[in-house]
Amino acid sequence: MLVIIDGMNVRVGDANYTVPTTSFKESFKPKLSDVITDPDGNEMIMVRGHCYPILRLHERFHTRDSYTDFTEGIFVMIEQMAKAYACS
């Protein structure tokens, strides 16, 4: 079976992933001053007055040779099932 989806390609380390455009909200360059760490150690980012959890894709997908300092890349804001995440 062949499935064709409209998506945006993102690279994490040496791996490439496709994010469906229906889930893609925006991309932006993060500022370190907008990052918050809660008492449990979870990272969040403030975007236009709203707080979103940060997903570090290199940790989730166990990629090598990726930048771990997110200020060197961009964030991709995705929304799935009424929840939004900032992915680095």
N, C-alpha and C. Protein backbone atom coordinates (compact mmCIF):
# COMPACT_ATOMS: atom_id res chain seq x y z
N MET A 1 0.84 -1.16 0.00
CA MET A 1 0.00 0.00 0.00
C MET A 1 0.90 1.24 0.00
N LEU A 2 0.57 2.19 -0.81
CA LEU A 2 1.31 3.45 -0.89
C LEU A 2 0.44 4.55 -0.29
N VAL A 3 1.02 5.28 0.65
CA VAL A 3 0.30 6.38 1.29
C VAL A 3 1.09 7.65 1.03
N ILE A 4 0.41 8.67 0.58
CA ILE A 4 1.04 9.96 0.34
C ILE A 4 0.45 10.96 1.32
N ILE A 5 1.34 11.63 2.08
CA ILE A 5 0.88 12.65 3.02
C ILE A 5 1.59 13.96 2.71
N ASP A 6 0.94 15.04 3.03
CA ASP A 6 1.54 16.36 2.90
C ASP A 6 2.25 16.63 4.22
N GLY A 7 3.57 16.83 4.18
CA GLY A 7 4.31 17.00 5.42
C GLY A 7 5.53 17.88 5.26
N MET A 8 6.12 18.19 6.38
CA MET A 8 7.35 18.98 6.43
C MET A 8 8.45 18.09 6.99
N ASN A 9 9.59 18.04 6.32
CA ASN A 9 10.71 17.23 6.78
C ASN A 9 11.51 18.00 7.81
N VAL A 10 11.85 17.32 8.91
CA VAL A 10 12.72 17.88 9.94
C VAL A 10 13.87 16.91 10.15
N ARG A 11 15.02 17.47 10.49
CA ARG A 11 16.20 16.63 10.71
C ARG A 11 16.61 16.72 12.17
N VAL A 12 16.87 15.56 12.76
CA VAL A 12 17.37 15.47 14.13
C VAL A 12 18.62 14.62 14.06
N GLY A 13 19.78 15.26 14.23
CA GLY A 13 21.03 14.54 14.05
C GLY A 13 21.15 14.08 12.62
N ASP A 14 21.39 12.80 12.42
CA ASP A 14 21.50 12.23 11.07
C ASP A 14 20.17 11.68 10.57
N ALA A 15 19.12 11.75 11.37
CA ALA A 15 17.82 11.17 11.00
C ALA A 15 16.88 12.24 10.46
N ASN A 16 16.06 11.85 9.49
CA ASN A 16 15.04 12.74 8.93
C ASN A 16 13.66 12.20 9.28
N TYR A 17 12.76 13.11 9.64
CA TYR A 17 11.39 12.74 9.99
C TYR A 17 10.44 13.64 9.22
N THR A 18 9.22 13.17 8.99
CA THR A 18 8.20 13.97 8.32
C THR A 18 7.08 14.24 9.31
N VAL A 19 6.80 15.53 9.50
CA VAL A 19 5.70 15.96 10.36
C VAL A 19 4.52 16.31 9.45
N PRO A 20 3.37 15.68 9.63
CA PRO A 20 2.21 16.02 8.78
C PRO A 20 1.87 17.50 8.93
N THR A 21 1.56 18.15 7.82
CA THR A 21 1.25 19.58 7.88
C THR A 21 -0.01 19.86 8.70
N THR A 22 -0.86 18.87 8.87
CA THR A 22 -2.04 19.07 9.71
C THR A 22 -1.67 19.22 11.18
N SER A 23 -0.49 18.71 11.59
CA SER A 23 -0.02 18.82 12.97
C SER A 23 0.90 20.02 13.17
N PHE A 24 1.45 20.55 12.09
CA PHE A 24 2.43 21.62 12.16
C PHE A 24 1.75 22.96 12.42
N LYS A 25 2.19 23.67 13.48
CA LYS A 25 1.64 24.99 13.77
C LYS A 25 2.58 26.10 13.32
N GLU A 26 3.86 25.99 13.70
CA GLU A 26 4.84 27.02 13.36
C GLU A 26 6.24 26.53 13.70
N SER A 27 7.23 27.26 13.22
CA SER A 27 8.61 27.03 13.62
C SER A 27 9.18 28.37 14.06
N PHE A 28 10.11 28.32 15.00
CA PHE A 28 10.68 29.56 15.52
C PHE A 28 12.03 29.30 16.17
N LYS A 29 12.82 30.34 16.27
CA LYS A 29 14.12 30.30 16.92
C LYS A 29 13.88 30.56 18.41
N PRO A 30 14.22 29.61 19.28
CA PRO A 30 13.95 29.79 20.71
C PRO A 30 14.94 30.75 21.36
N LYS A 31 14.46 31.43 22.39
CA LYS A 31 15.33 32.26 23.22
C LYS A 31 15.48 31.57 24.57
N LEU A 32 16.70 31.51 25.05
CA LEU A 32 16.96 30.85 26.32
C LEU A 32 16.15 31.49 27.44
N SER A 33 15.89 32.78 27.35
CA SER A 33 15.13 33.48 28.40
C SER A 33 13.67 33.04 28.46
N ASP A 34 13.16 32.39 27.43
CA ASP A 34 11.77 31.92 27.41
C ASP A 34 11.60 30.51 27.96
N VAL A 35 12.69 29.85 28.31
CA VAL A 35 12.64 28.47 28.80
C VAL A 35 12.49 28.45 30.31
N ILE A 36 11.59 27.62 30.78
CA ILE A 36 11.29 27.47 32.20
C ILE A 36 11.46 25.99 32.55
N THR A 37 12.00 25.72 33.73
CA THR A 37 12.07 24.34 34.22
C THR A 37 11.21 24.25 35.47
N ASP A 38 10.24 23.34 35.47
CA ASP A 38 9.36 23.22 36.63
C ASP A 38 10.06 22.42 37.74
N PRO A 39 9.46 22.35 38.93
CA PRO A 39 10.10 21.64 40.06
C PRO A 39 10.41 20.17 39.79
N ASP A 40 9.69 19.56 38.83
CA ASP A 40 9.95 18.16 38.49
C ASP A 40 11.04 17.99 37.43
N GLY A 41 11.61 19.11 36.95
CA GLY A 41 12.67 19.06 35.95
C GLY A 41 12.18 19.07 34.52
N ASN A 42 10.88 19.27 34.29
CA ASN A 42 10.33 19.32 32.94
C ASN A 42 10.59 20.69 32.32
N GLU A 43 11.04 20.69 31.09
CA GLU A 43 11.31 21.95 30.38
C GLU A 43 10.05 22.43 29.68
N MET A 44 9.81 23.73 29.77
CA MET A 44 8.67 24.37 29.12
C MET A 44 9.19 25.65 28.46
N ILE A 45 8.44 26.14 27.46
CA ILE A 45 8.80 27.38 26.81
C ILE A 45 7.56 28.28 26.74
N MET A 46 7.79 29.56 26.98
CA MET A 46 6.71 30.56 26.89
C MET A 46 6.68 31.09 25.46
N VAL A 47 5.51 30.99 24.83
CA VAL A 47 5.30 31.51 23.48
C VAL A 47 4.02 32.33 23.50
N ARG A 48 4.16 33.62 23.29
CA ARG A 48 3.03 34.55 23.28
C ARG A 48 2.10 34.36 24.49
N GLY A 49 2.71 34.25 25.67
CA GLY A 49 1.93 34.18 26.91
C GLY A 49 1.42 32.80 27.28
N HIS A 50 1.71 31.78 26.47
CA HIS A 50 1.28 30.41 26.78
C HIS A 50 2.52 29.54 27.00
N CYS A 51 2.39 28.58 27.88
CA CYS A 51 3.49 27.70 28.24
C CYS A 51 3.29 26.33 27.56
N TYR A 52 4.33 25.87 26.86
CA TYR A 52 4.26 24.59 26.14
C TYR A 52 5.40 23.67 26.58
N PRO A 53 5.13 22.38 26.72
CA PRO A 53 6.21 21.45 27.06
C PRO A 53 7.19 21.31 25.89
N ILE A 54 8.45 21.11 26.23
CA ILE A 54 9.50 20.92 25.23
C ILE A 54 9.77 19.42 25.09
N LEU A 55 9.74 18.92 23.87
CA LEU A 55 10.13 17.54 23.59
C LEU A 55 11.48 17.57 22.90
N ARG A 56 12.47 16.98 23.51
CA ARG A 56 13.79 16.91 22.88
C ARG A 56 13.82 15.65 22.03
N LEU A 57 13.70 15.85 20.74
CA LEU A 57 13.55 14.72 19.82
C LEU A 57 14.77 13.82 19.79
N HIS A 58 15.96 14.38 20.01
CA HIS A 58 17.16 13.52 19.99
C HIS A 58 17.13 12.53 21.15
N GLU A 59 16.48 12.88 22.26
CA GLU A 59 16.34 11.95 23.37
C GLU A 59 15.25 10.92 23.09
N ARG A 60 14.13 11.39 22.56
CA ARG A 60 12.99 10.50 22.30
C ARG A 60 13.33 9.44 21.26
N PHE A 61 14.06 9.84 20.19
CA PHE A 61 14.37 8.92 19.10
C PHE A 61 15.78 8.36 19.18
N HIS A 62 16.51 8.68 20.25
CA HIS A 62 17.86 8.16 20.50
C HIS A 62 18.79 8.37 19.30
N THR A 63 18.79 9.61 18.77
CA THR A 63 19.66 9.91 17.64
C THR A 63 21.03 10.33 18.12
N ARG A 64 22.00 10.06 17.31
CA ARG A 64 23.38 10.45 17.60
C ARG A 64 23.75 11.63 16.72
N ASP A 65 24.85 12.27 17.06
CA ASP A 65 25.37 13.39 16.28
C ASP A 65 24.37 14.52 16.15
N SER A 66 23.57 14.76 17.18
CA SER A 66 22.62 15.87 17.13
C SER A 66 23.04 16.93 18.15
N TYR A 67 22.64 18.15 17.88
CA TYR A 67 22.91 19.23 18.81
C TYR A 67 21.99 19.06 20.02
N THR A 68 22.53 19.27 21.20
CA THR A 68 21.70 19.19 22.40
C THR A 68 21.35 20.58 22.90
N ASP A 69 22.04 21.62 22.44
CA ASP A 69 21.72 23.00 22.78
C ASP A 69 20.69 23.51 21.78
N PHE A 70 19.43 23.61 22.22
CA PHE A 70 18.37 23.95 21.27
C PHE A 70 18.48 25.36 20.72
N THR A 71 19.27 26.23 21.32
CA THR A 71 19.43 27.58 20.78
C THR A 71 20.24 27.57 19.48
N GLU A 72 20.84 26.44 19.16
CA GLU A 72 21.59 26.31 17.90
C GLU A 72 20.70 25.85 16.75
N GLY A 73 19.45 25.53 17.03
CA GLY A 73 18.53 25.06 15.99
C GLY A 73 17.23 25.83 16.05
N ILE A 74 16.16 25.18 15.61
CA ILE A 74 14.83 25.79 15.66
C ILE A 74 13.89 24.86 16.39
N PHE A 75 12.80 25.42 16.89
CA PHE A 75 11.72 24.63 17.46
C PHE A 75 10.64 24.47 16.41
N VAL A 76 9.99 23.34 16.43
CA VAL A 76 8.83 23.10 15.59
C VAL A 76 7.66 22.90 16.55
N MET A 77 6.67 23.76 16.45
CA MET A 77 5.49 23.65 17.30
C MET A 77 4.50 22.73 16.58
N ILE A 78 4.14 21.64 17.26
CA ILE A 78 3.18 20.70 16.69
C ILE A 78 1.97 20.60 17.61
N GLU A 79 0.84 20.27 17.02
CA GLU A 79 -0.38 20.09 17.79
C GLU A 79 -1.02 18.77 17.35
N GLN A 80 -1.33 17.95 18.34
CA GLN A 80 -1.95 16.66 18.06
C GLN A 80 -2.97 16.38 19.14
N MET A 81 -4.18 16.09 18.75
CA MET A 81 -5.26 15.75 19.68
C MET A 81 -5.42 16.82 20.77
N ALA A 82 -5.48 18.08 20.34
CA ALA A 82 -5.72 19.25 21.21
C ALA A 82 -4.59 19.53 22.20
N LYS A 83 -3.41 18.95 21.99
CA LYS A 83 -2.25 19.25 22.82
C LYS A 83 -1.15 19.77 21.91
N ALA A 84 -0.44 20.81 22.36
CA ALA A 84 0.65 21.39 21.58
C ALA A 84 1.97 21.16 22.29
N TYR A 85 3.02 20.94 21.49
CA TYR A 85 4.36 20.71 22.00
C TYR A 85 5.36 21.50 21.17
N ALA A 86 6.41 21.94 21.84
CA ALA A 86 7.54 22.58 21.14
C ALA A 86 8.63 21.52 21.03
N CYS A 87 8.98 21.16 19.82
CA CYS A 87 9.97 20.09 19.60
C CYS A 87 11.29 20.70 19.18
N SER A 88 12.35 20.22 19.81
CA SER A 88 13.68 20.71 19.45
C SER A 88 14.52 19.56 18.95
